[in-house]
Amino acid sequence: MAWCLDTHCHLDASEFDQDRDAVMAYAAQVGVNGILIPAVRARDFESVKDLAHRTSKLMPASCYTLGIHPIYTSEAKPGDLEILRKAIESSLSDPRFVGIGEIGLDYFLPNLDPDHQAFYFEAQLDLAREFNLPVILHVRRSQDAIIKALKLKGISGGIAHAFNGSFQQAENFLKLNFVMGFGGAMTHTRALRIRRLAKDLPLSALVLETDAPDIPPMWLSHAPKPRNEPGEVVQISSVLAELRGELLSKIQHECALNALRVIPRWKTLLQSSHPSVVLS
């Protein structure tokens, strides 16, 4: 059985407030077995947890991570880090809690203070190391700075979400037991570098994602208000299969195994809830 996982889906976003149940039902109907819902700010910690449990009724491999996104560090307070610590501690007994994220650095948006971002990023890396948890990384134009921080903090394992770096940067992430997320951007024929990475990197380096409701794939991008959804990960996986000349079932299965390898608690969740599933 090929498992299809969306390793990055903001199902708690307001864009889904009107039809969230229908979005979840459609994803399950087209073959999505689970989604990872990352938090982006302290006030969302409970909502992503609740959604992961609610979604699991349709997609049994659904899970969540807790963290403060670099874009939201502009409104964060140092006390939010203590809130995060307490949320982590209280969630360690929850099998659907699988890591720290979405965290990182964003050097694309000009209004974000890089030092302020770095303060929250490094503090959250400290928590990841303390609790031995993998991280879900936001790496927009910040790959080298993030790799340096991961080495300095002794972090090993996680996902570099929406990867758009160089082959050398990809290799550096791989050495640290990170895999790279590919989603809607890869489906655009003009995204030559991303498509080349998706085609030429080892399959063991890749995971599938949507970043829903953001980064819509090519077939949605011309809509008046394009909104990505977790169900689109199935067609996204078919684009990856076509780029690599591989069977769709192999792409979905191997990408799922890659995600489970770097996020051990996710693998444990599947092993305990579906012992008959072959995770190798």
C-alpha atoms as a PDB file:
ATOM      1  CA  MET A   1       0.000   0.000   0.000  1.00  0.00           C
ATOM      2  CA  ALA A   2       1.341   3.441  -0.968  1.00  0.00           C
ATOM      3  CA  TRP A   3       0.826   6.065   1.670  1.00  0.00           C
ATOM      4  CA  CYS A   4       0.415   9.661   0.506  1.00  0.00           C
ATOM      5  CA  LEU A   5       1.352  12.271   3.110  1.00  0.00           C
ATOM      6  CA  ASP A   6       1.137  16.059   2.954  1.00  0.00           C
ATOM      7  CA  THR A   7       4.056  17.094   5.148  1.00  0.00           C
ATOM      8  CA  HIS A   8       3.040  20.755   5.362  1.00  0.00           C
ATOM      9  CA  CYS A   9      -0.568  21.960   5.493  1.00  0.00           C
ATOM     10  CA  HIS A  10      -1.904  25.008   7.367  1.00  0.00           C
ATOM     11  CA  LEU A  11      -5.381  23.573   7.766  1.00  0.00           C
ATOM     12  CA  ASP A  12      -6.038  26.024  10.607  1.00  0.00           C
ATOM     13  CA  ALA A  13      -5.746  29.024   8.250  1.00  0.00           C
ATOM     14  CA  SER A  14      -8.762  31.319   7.987  1.00  0.00           C
ATOM     15  CA  GLU A  15      -9.083  30.491   4.284  1.00  0.00           C
ATOM     16  CA  PHE A  16     -10.613  27.163   5.350  1.00  0.00           C
ATOM     17  CA  ASP A  17     -13.066  28.534   7.906  1.00  0.00           C
ATOM     18  CA  GLN A  18     -16.075  28.177   5.593  1.00  0.00           C
ATOM     19  CA  ASP A  19     -15.485  24.636   4.318  1.00  0.00           C
ATOM     20  CA  ARG A  20     -12.785  22.938   6.406  1.00  0.00           C
ATOM     21  CA  ASP A  21     -14.739  19.692   6.802  1.00  0.00           C
ATOM     22  CA  ALA A  22     -15.302  19.448   3.054  1.00  0.00           C
ATOM     23  CA  VAL A  23     -11.603  20.102   2.405  1.00  0.00           C
ATOM     24  CA  MET A  24     -10.620  17.290   4.772  1.00  0.00           C
ATOM     25  CA  ALA A  25     -13.204  14.918   3.280  1.00  0.00           C
ATOM     26  CA  TYR A  26     -11.998  15.588  -0.263  1.00  0.00           C
ATOM     27  CA  ALA A  27      -8.371  14.982   0.676  1.00  0.00           C
ATOM     28  CA  ALA A  28      -9.257  11.651   2.236  1.00  0.00           C
ATOM     29  CA  GLN A  29     -11.417  10.735  -0.757  1.00  0.00           C
ATOM     30  CA  VAL A  30      -8.584  11.243  -3.269  1.00  0.00           C
ATOM     31  CA  GLY A  31      -6.116   9.200  -1.251  1.00  0.00           C
ATOM     32  CA  VAL A  32      -4.334  11.430   1.262  1.00  0.00           C
ATOM     33  CA  ASN A  33      -3.564   9.342   4.347  1.00  0.00           C
ATOM     34  CA  GLY A  34      -2.317  12.100   6.608  1.00  0.00           C
ATOM     35  CA  ILE A  35      -1.261  15.712   6.904  1.00  0.00           C
ATOM     36  CA  LEU A  36       1.191  17.514   9.147  1.00  0.00           C
ATOM     37  CA  ILE A  37      -0.246  20.760  10.523  1.00  0.00           C
ATOM     38  CA  PRO A  38       2.473  23.164  11.744  1.00  0.00           C
ATOM     39  CA  ALA A  39       1.691  25.984  14.159  1.00  0.00           C
ATOM     40  CA  VAL A  40       2.913  29.478  13.315  1.00  0.00           C
ATOM     41  CA  ARG A  41       2.271  31.401  16.553  1.00  0.00           C
ATOM     42  CA  ALA A  42       1.567  30.741  20.222  1.00  0.00           C
ATOM     43  CA  ARG A  43      -2.148  31.484  20.070  1.00  0.00           C
ATOM     44  CA  ASP A  44      -2.582  28.689  17.505  1.00  0.00           C
ATOM     45  CA  PHE A  45      -1.048  25.865  19.517  1.00  0.00           C
ATOM     46  CA  GLU A  46      -4.349  24.440  20.755  1.00  0.00           C
ATOM     47  CA  SER A  47      -6.098  24.790  17.406  1.00  0.00           C
ATOM     48  CA  VAL A  48      -3.498  22.806  15.430  1.00  0.00           C
ATOM     49  CA  LYS A  49      -3.577  20.095  18.086  1.00  0.00           C
ATOM     50  CA  ASP A  50      -7.359  19.876  17.964  1.00  0.00           C
ATOM     51  CA  LEU A  51      -7.364  19.844  14.163  1.00  0.00           C
ATOM     52  CA  ALA A  52      -4.794  17.056  13.942  1.00  0.00           C
ATOM     53  CA  HIS A  53      -6.982  14.874  16.150  1.00  0.00           C
ATOM     54  CA  ARG A  54     -10.152  15.837  14.300  1.00  0.00           C
ATOM     55  CA  THR A  55      -8.569  15.229  10.902  1.00  0.00           C
ATOM     56  CA  SER A  56      -7.272  11.820  11.975  1.00  0.00           C
ATOM     57  CA  LYS A  57     -10.806  10.416  11.761  1.00  0.00           C
ATOM     58  CA  LEU A  58     -10.542  10.763   7.973  1.00  0.00           C
ATOM     59  CA  MET A  59      -6.767  10.706   7.500  1.00  0.00           C
ATOM     60  CA  PRO A  60      -5.287   8.468  10.222  1.00  0.00           C
ATOM     61  CA  ALA A  61      -1.693   9.656   9.843  1.00  0.00           C
ATOM     62  CA  SER A  62      -2.461  13.312  10.632  1.00  0.00           C
ATOM     63  CA  CYS A  63      -0.231  15.064  13.162  1.00  0.00           C
ATOM     64  CA  TYR A  64       0.998  18.497  14.280  1.00  0.00           C
ATOM     65  CA  THR A  65       4.048  20.490  15.304  1.00  0.00           C
ATOM     66  CA  LEU A  66       4.403  23.519  17.578  1.00  0.00           C
ATOM     67  CA  GLY A  67       6.476  26.596  16.847  1.00  0.00           C
ATOM     68  CA  ILE A  68       6.683  30.303  16.042  1.00  0.00           C
ATOM     69  CA  HIS A  69       7.045  31.146  12.346  1.00  0.00           C
ATOM     70  CA  PRO A  70       9.666  33.796  11.440  1.00  0.00           C
ATOM     71  CA  ILE A  71       7.005  35.995   9.833  1.00  0.00           C
ATOM     72  CA  TYR A  72       5.142  36.093  13.155  1.00  0.00           C
ATOM     73  CA  THR A  73       8.187  36.943  15.246  1.00  0.00           C
ATOM     74  CA  SER A  74       7.330  40.608  14.636  1.00  0.00           C
ATOM     75  CA  GLU A  75       4.310  40.183  16.916  1.00  0.00           C
ATOM     76  CA  ALA A  76       5.801  37.586  19.267  1.00  0.00           C
ATOM     77  CA  LYS A  77       6.825  38.281  22.851  1.00  0.00           C
ATOM     78  CA  PRO A  78       9.635  36.531  24.762  1.00  0.00           C
ATOM     79  CA  GLY A  79       6.928  35.045  26.977  1.00  0.00           C
ATOM     80  CA  ASP A  80       5.691  33.095  23.965  1.00  0.00           C
ATOM     81  CA  LEU A  81       8.783  30.919  24.244  1.00  0.00           C
ATOM     82  CA  GLU A  82       7.705  29.852  27.727  1.00  0.00           C
ATOM     83  CA  ILE A  83       4.230  29.157  26.360  1.00  0.00           C
ATOM     84  CA  LEU A  84       5.875  27.003  23.701  1.00  0.00           C
ATOM     85  CA  ARG A  85       7.937  25.135  26.274  1.00  0.00           C
ATOM     86  CA  LYS A  86       4.850  24.342  28.354  1.00  0.00           C
ATOM     87  CA  ALA A  87       2.912  23.306  25.235  1.00  0.00           C
ATOM     88  CA  ILE A  88       5.729  20.937  24.255  1.00  0.00           C
ATOM     89  CA  GLU A  89       5.877  19.431  27.732  1.00  0.00           C
ATOM     90  CA  SER A  90       2.141  18.871  27.837  1.00  0.00           C
ATOM     91  CA  SER A  91       2.100  17.398  24.322  1.00  0.00           C
ATOM     92  CA  LEU A  92       4.878  14.830  24.726  1.00  0.00           C
ATOM     93  CA  SER A  93       2.294  12.249  25.764  1.00  0.00           C
ATOM     94  CA  ASP A  94       0.231  12.980  22.649  1.00  0.00           C
ATOM     95  CA  PRO A  95       1.268  10.612  19.821  1.00  0.00           C
ATOM     96  CA  ARG A  96       0.091  13.135  17.212  1.00  0.00           C
ATOM     97  CA  PHE A  97       2.620  15.730  18.377  1.00  0.00           C
ATOM     98  CA  VAL A  98       5.725  15.105  16.282  1.00  0.00           C
ATOM     99  CA  GLY A  99       8.109  18.086  16.409  1.00  0.00           C
ATOM    100  CA  ILE A 100       8.919  21.795  16.454  1.00  0.00           C
ATOM    101  CA  GLY A 101       7.717  23.996  13.602  1.00  0.00           C
ATOM    102  CA  GLU A 102       7.203  25.981  11.606  1.00  0.00           C
ATOM    103  CA  ILE A 103      10.387  27.832  12.536  1.00  0.00           C
ATOM    104  CA  GLY A 104      13.265  29.377  10.632  1.00  0.00           C
ATOM    105  CA  LEU A 105      14.442  32.568   8.963  1.00  0.00           C
ATOM    106  CA  ASP A 106      12.879  34.646   6.194  1.00  0.00           C
ATOM    107  CA  TYR A 107      15.274  36.967   4.360  1.00  0.00           C
ATOM    108  CA  PHE A 108      12.791  37.733   1.576  1.00  0.00           C
ATOM    109  CA  LEU A 109      10.379  40.052   3.377  1.00  0.00           C
ATOM    110  CA  PRO A 110      12.160  43.391   3.960  1.00  0.00           C
ATOM    111  CA  ASN A 111      10.195  44.407   7.057  1.00  0.00           C
ATOM    112  CA  LEU A 112      11.389  41.475   9.188  1.00  0.00           C
ATOM    113  CA  ASP A 113      14.271  42.206  11.559  1.00  0.00           C
ATOM    114  CA  PRO A 114      16.893  39.459  10.991  1.00  0.00           C
ATOM    115  CA  ASP A 115      18.223  39.737  14.540  1.00  0.00           C
ATOM    116  CA  HIS A 116      14.726  39.464  16.015  1.00  0.00           C
ATOM    117  CA  GLN A 117      14.055  36.427  13.853  1.00  0.00           C
ATOM    118  CA  ALA A 118      17.346  34.851  14.880  1.00  0.00           C
ATOM    119  CA  PHE A 119      16.517  35.263  18.580  1.00  0.00           C
ATOM    120  CA  TYR A 120      13.327  33.209  18.270  1.00  0.00           C
ATOM    121  CA  PHE A 121      14.820  30.734  15.819  1.00  0.00           C
ATOM    122  CA  GLU A 122      17.800  29.914  17.999  1.00  0.00           C
ATOM    123  CA  ALA A 123      15.673  29.692  21.140  1.00  0.00           C
ATOM    124  CA  GLN A 124      13.396  27.208  19.406  1.00  0.00           C
ATOM    125  CA  LEU A 125      16.367  25.184  18.192  1.00  0.00           C
ATOM    126  CA  ASP A 126      17.455  24.986  21.823  1.00  0.00           C
ATOM    127  CA  LEU A 127      14.040  23.541  22.691  1.00  0.00           C
ATOM    128  CA  ALA A 128      14.269  21.054  19.833  1.00  0.00           C
ATOM    129  CA  ARG A 129      17.635  19.871  21.101  1.00  0.00           C
ATOM    130  CA  GLU A 130      16.469  19.750  24.725  1.00  0.00           C
ATOM    131  CA  PHE A 131      13.429  17.617  23.900  1.00  0.00           C
ATOM    132  CA  ASN A 132      15.139  15.670  21.095  1.00  0.00           C
ATOM    133  CA  LEU A 133      12.581  16.702  18.496  1.00  0.00           C
ATOM    134  CA  PRO A 134      12.922  17.249  14.732  1.00  0.00           C
ATOM    135  CA  VAL A 135      12.147  20.637  13.213  1.00  0.00           C
ATOM    136  CA  ILE A 136      10.049  21.888  10.299  1.00  0.00           C
ATOM    137  CA  LEU A 137      12.027  24.712   8.709  1.00  0.00           C
ATOM    138  CA  HIS A 138      11.041  27.864   6.821  1.00  0.00           C
ATOM    139  CA  VAL A 139      14.106  28.577   4.661  1.00  0.00           C
ATOM    140  CA  ARG A 140      13.226  31.463   2.361  1.00  0.00           C
ATOM    141  CA  ARG A 141      16.511  32.929   1.069  1.00  0.00           C
ATOM    142  CA  SER A 142      18.148  31.870   4.329  1.00  0.00           C
ATOM    143  CA  GLN A 143      19.517  28.400   3.641  1.00  0.00           C
ATOM    144  CA  ASP A 144      23.150  29.068   4.562  1.00  0.00           C
ATOM    145  CA  ALA A 145      22.293  30.921   7.787  1.00  0.00           C
ATOM    146  CA  ILE A 146      19.949  28.112   8.815  1.00  0.00           C
ATOM    147  CA  ILE A 147      22.485  25.383   8.048  1.00  0.00           C
ATOM    148  CA  LYS A 148      25.050  27.252  10.135  1.00  0.00           C
ATOM    149  CA  ALA A 149      22.601  27.522  13.058  1.00  0.00           C
ATOM    150  CA  LEU A 150      21.660  23.839  12.840  1.00  0.00           C
ATOM    151  CA  LYS A 151      25.331  22.835  13.040  1.00  0.00           C
ATOM    152  CA  LEU A 152      26.020  25.256  15.881  1.00  0.00           C
ATOM    153  CA  LYS A 153      23.054  23.997  17.904  1.00  0.00           C
ATOM    154  CA  GLY A 154      23.656  20.334  17.147  1.00  0.00           C
ATOM    155  CA  ILE A 155      20.284  19.776  15.493  1.00  0.00           C
ATOM    156  CA  SER A 156      19.896  16.695  13.357  1.00  0.00           C
ATOM    157  CA  GLY A 157      16.695  15.843  11.565  1.00  0.00           C
ATOM    158  CA  GLY A 158      13.606  17.405  10.040  1.00  0.00           C
ATOM    159  CA  ILE A 159      12.208  18.964   6.885  1.00  0.00           C
ATOM    160  CA  ALA A 160      13.383  22.011   4.943  1.00  0.00           C
ATOM    161  CA  HIS A 161       9.955  23.103   3.754  1.00  0.00           C
ATOM    162  CA  ALA A 162       9.421  24.629   0.269  1.00  0.00           C
ATOM    163  CA  PHE A 163      13.048  24.129  -0.624  1.00  0.00           C
ATOM    164  CA  ASN A 164      14.432  26.443  -3.298  1.00  0.00           C
ATOM    165  CA  GLY A 165      18.164  26.434  -2.685  1.00  0.00           C
ATOM    166  CA  SER A 166      21.170  25.081  -4.530  1.00  0.00           C
ATOM    167  CA  PHE A 167      22.315  21.484  -4.911  1.00  0.00           C
ATOM    168  CA  GLN A 168      25.189  22.206  -2.521  1.00  0.00           C
ATOM    169  CA  GLN A 169      22.786  23.566   0.095  1.00  0.00           C
ATOM    170  CA  ALA A 170      20.575  20.513  -0.394  1.00  0.00           C
ATOM    171  CA  GLU A 171      23.563  18.262   0.213  1.00  0.00           C
ATOM    172  CA  ASN A 172      24.343  20.149   3.418  1.00  0.00           C
ATOM    173  CA  PHE A 173      20.787  19.606   4.663  1.00  0.00           C
ATOM    174  CA  LEU A 174      21.032  15.915   3.779  1.00  0.00           C
ATOM    175  CA  LYS A 175      24.201  15.572   5.858  1.00  0.00           C
ATOM    176  CA  LEU A 176      22.187  16.830   8.846  1.00  0.00           C
ATOM    177  CA  ASN A 177      19.420  14.241   8.294  1.00  0.00           C
ATOM    178  CA  PHE A 178      17.020  16.731   6.715  1.00  0.00           C
ATOM    179  CA  VAL A 179      14.824  16.124   3.715  1.00  0.00           C
ATOM    180  CA  MET A 180      13.356  18.792   1.447  1.00  0.00           C
ATOM    181  CA  GLY A 181       9.708  19.584   0.772  1.00  0.00           C
ATOM    182  CA  PHE A 182       8.441  19.963  -2.794  1.00  0.00           C
ATOM    183  CA  GLY A 183       4.937  21.113  -3.619  1.00  0.00           C
ATOM    184  CA  GLY A 184       2.989  23.472  -5.835  1.00  0.00           C
ATOM    185  CA  ALA A 185       5.993  25.504  -7.013  1.00  0.00           C
ATOM    186  CA  MET A 186       7.418  22.370  -8.645  1.00  0.00           C
ATOM    187  CA  THR A 187       4.363  22.066 -10.909  1.00  0.00           C
ATOM    188  CA  HIS A 188       5.047  25.362 -12.690  1.00  0.00           C
ATOM    189  CA  THR A 189       6.988  24.759 -15.897  1.00  0.00           C
ATOM    190  CA  ARG A 190       8.931  28.008 -15.495  1.00  0.00           C
ATOM    191  CA  ALA A 191      10.260  26.958 -12.075  1.00  0.00           C
ATOM    192  CA  LEU A 192      13.329  25.473 -13.727  1.00  0.00           C
ATOM    193  CA  ARG A 193      15.623  25.288 -10.687  1.00  0.00           C
ATOM    194  CA  ILE A 194      13.008  23.714  -8.426  1.00  0.00           C
ATOM    195  CA  ARG A 195      12.060  21.186 -11.092  1.00  0.00           C
ATOM    196  CA  ARG A 196      15.701  20.329 -11.689  1.00  0.00           C
ATOM    197  CA  LEU A 197      16.216  19.766  -7.969  1.00  0.00           C
ATOM    198  CA  ALA A 198      13.097  17.601  -7.783  1.00  0.00           C
ATOM    199  CA  LYS A 199      14.308  15.549 -10.732  1.00  0.00           C
ATOM    200  CA  ASP A 200      17.989  15.156  -9.877  1.00  0.00           C
ATOM    201  CA  LEU A 201      18.203  14.962  -6.077  1.00  0.00           C
ATOM    202  CA  PRO A 202      18.111  11.432  -4.652  1.00  0.00           C
ATOM    203  CA  LEU A 203      14.526  10.298  -4.075  1.00  0.00           C
ATOM    204  CA  SER A 204      15.514   9.699  -0.439  1.00  0.00           C
ATOM    205  CA  ALA A 205      15.908  13.492  -0.105  1.00  0.00           C
ATOM    206  CA  LEU A 206      12.332  14.415  -1.018  1.00  0.00           C
ATOM    207  CA  VAL A 207       8.971  14.734   0.703  1.00  0.00           C
ATOM    208  CA  LEU A 208       5.629  15.918  -0.665  1.00  0.00           C
ATOM    209  CA  GLU A 209       3.773  18.966   0.617  1.00  0.00           C
ATOM    210  CA  THR A 210       1.159  21.548  -0.307  1.00  0.00           C
ATOM    211  CA  ASP A 211       1.705  24.460   2.125  1.00  0.00           C
ATOM    212  CA  ALA A 212      -2.059  24.875   1.740  1.00  0.00           C
ATOM    213  CA  PRO A 213      -3.657  27.357   1.427  1.00  0.00           C
ATOM    214  CA  ASP A 214      -0.477  28.891  -0.049  1.00  0.00           C
ATOM    215  CA  ILE A 215       1.751  28.055  -3.061  1.00  0.00           C
ATOM    216  CA  PRO A 216      -1.055  26.813  -5.346  1.00  0.00           C
ATOM    217  CA  PRO A 217      -0.026  24.400  -8.093  1.00  0.00           C
ATOM    218  CA  MET A 218      -0.070  25.462 -11.725  1.00  0.00           C
ATOM    219  CA  TRP A 219      -3.603  24.177 -12.395  1.00  0.00           C
ATOM    220  CA  LEU A 220      -5.029  26.445  -9.665  1.00  0.00           C
ATOM    221  CA  SER A 221      -2.880  29.526 -10.125  1.00  0.00           C
ATOM    222  CA  HIS A 222      -5.137  31.256 -12.649  1.00  0.00           C
ATOM    223  CA  ALA A 223      -8.217  31.211 -10.429  1.00  0.00           C
ATOM    224  CA  PRO A 224      -9.395  34.651  -9.213  1.00  0.00           C
ATOM    225  CA  LYS A 225      -8.484  33.716  -5.635  1.00  0.00           C
ATOM    226  CA  PRO A 226      -6.304  30.598  -5.871  1.00  0.00           C
ATOM    227  CA  ARG A 227      -6.375  28.451  -2.746  1.00  0.00           C
ATOM    228  CA  ASN A 228      -4.277  25.357  -2.334  1.00  0.00           C
ATOM    229  CA  GLU A 229      -5.720  22.348  -0.497  1.00  0.00           C
ATOM    230  CA  PRO A 230      -4.248  19.179   1.027  1.00  0.00           C
ATOM    231  CA  GLY A 231      -6.001  17.052  -1.589  1.00  0.00           C
ATOM    232  CA  GLU A 232      -3.776  18.606  -4.266  1.00  0.00           C
ATOM    233  CA  VAL A 233      -0.785  16.663  -2.929  1.00  0.00           C
ATOM    234  CA  VAL A 234      -1.962  13.665  -4.954  1.00  0.00           C
ATOM    235  CA  GLN A 235      -1.684  15.479  -8.282  1.00  0.00           C
ATOM    236  CA  ILE A 236       1.517  17.175  -7.087  1.00  0.00           C
ATOM    237  CA  SER A 237       2.964  13.713  -6.492  1.00  0.00           C
ATOM    238  CA  SER A 238       2.030  12.750 -10.055  1.00  0.00           C
ATOM    239  CA  VAL A 239       4.045  15.714 -11.362  1.00  0.00           C
ATOM    240  CA  LEU A 240       7.043  14.542  -9.353  1.00  0.00           C
ATOM    241  CA  ALA A 241       6.580  11.014 -10.718  1.00  0.00           C
ATOM    242  CA  GLU A 242       6.522  12.380 -14.259  1.00  0.00           C
ATOM    243  CA  LEU A 243       9.623  14.514 -13.707  1.00  0.00           C
ATOM    244  CA  ARG A 244      11.558  11.550 -12.360  1.00  0.00           C
ATOM    245  CA  GLY A 245      10.134   8.896 -14.682  1.00  0.00           C
ATOM    246  CA  GLU A 246       8.933   6.820 -11.720  1.00  0.00           C
ATOM    247  CA  LEU A 247       5.704   5.037 -10.831  1.00  0.00           C
ATOM    248  CA  LEU A 248       3.287   7.211  -8.861  1.00  0.00           C
ATOM    249  CA  SER A 249       2.939   4.546  -6.167  1.00  0.00           C
ATOM    250  CA  LYS A 250       6.709   4.471  -5.679  1.00  0.00           C
ATOM    251  CA  ILE A 251       6.959   8.265  -5.404  1.00  0.00           C
ATOM    252  CA  GLN A 252       4.188   8.466  -2.822  1.00  0.00           C
ATOM    253  CA  HIS A 253       5.496   5.539  -0.789  1.00  0.00           C
ATOM    254  CA  GLU A 254       9.152   6.577  -0.792  1.00  0.00           C
ATOM    255  CA  CYS A 255       8.345  10.205   0.027  1.00  0.00           C
ATOM    256  CA  ALA A 256       6.173   9.027   2.923  1.00  0.00           C
ATOM    257  CA  LEU A 257       9.001   6.830   4.210  1.00  0.00           C
ATOM    258  CA  ASN A 258      11.391   9.776   3.988  1.00  0.00           C
ATOM    259  CA  ALA A 259       9.084  11.898   6.141  1.00  0.00           C
ATOM    260  CA  LEU A 260       8.727   9.123   8.707  1.00  0.00           C
ATOM    261  CA  ARG A 261      12.495   8.586   8.800  1.00  0.00           C
ATOM    262  CA  VAL A 262      13.278  12.172   9.795  1.00  0.00           C
ATOM    263  CA  ILE A 263      10.241  12.526  12.091  1.00  0.00           C
ATOM    264  CA  PRO A 264      10.429   9.436  14.316  1.00  0.00           C
ATOM    265  CA  ARG A 265       7.312  10.222  16.355  1.00  0.00           C
ATOM    266  CA  TRP A 266       5.283  10.239  13.133  1.00  0.00           C
ATOM    267  CA  LYS A 267       6.594   6.768  12.311  1.00  0.00           C
ATOM    268  CA  THR A 268       5.737   5.570  15.812  1.00  0.00           C
ATOM    269  CA  LEU A 269       2.218   6.940  15.374  1.00  0.00           C
ATOM    270  CA  LEU A 270       1.719   4.921  12.196  1.00  0.00           C
ATOM    271  CA  GLN A 271       3.282   1.787  13.609  1.00  0.00           C
ATOM    272  CA  SER A 272       1.010   1.857  16.652  1.00  0.00           C
ATOM    273  CA  SER A 273      -2.212   2.708  14.800  1.00  0.00           C
ATOM    274  CA  HIS A 274      -1.604   0.640  11.630  1.00  0.00           C
ATOM    275  CA  PRO A 275       0.764  -2.230  12.468  1.00  0.00           C
ATOM    276  CA  SER A 276      -0.009  -3.948   9.156  1.00  0.00           C
ATOM    277  CA  VAL A 277       1.389  -1.052   7.101  1.00  0.00           C
ATOM    278  CA  VAL A 278       4.807  -1.825   5.613  1.00  0.00           C
ATOM    279  CA  LEU A 279       7.106   1.054   6.585  1.00  0.00           C
ATOM    280  CA  SER A 280      10.163  -0.035   4.648  1.00  0.00           C
END
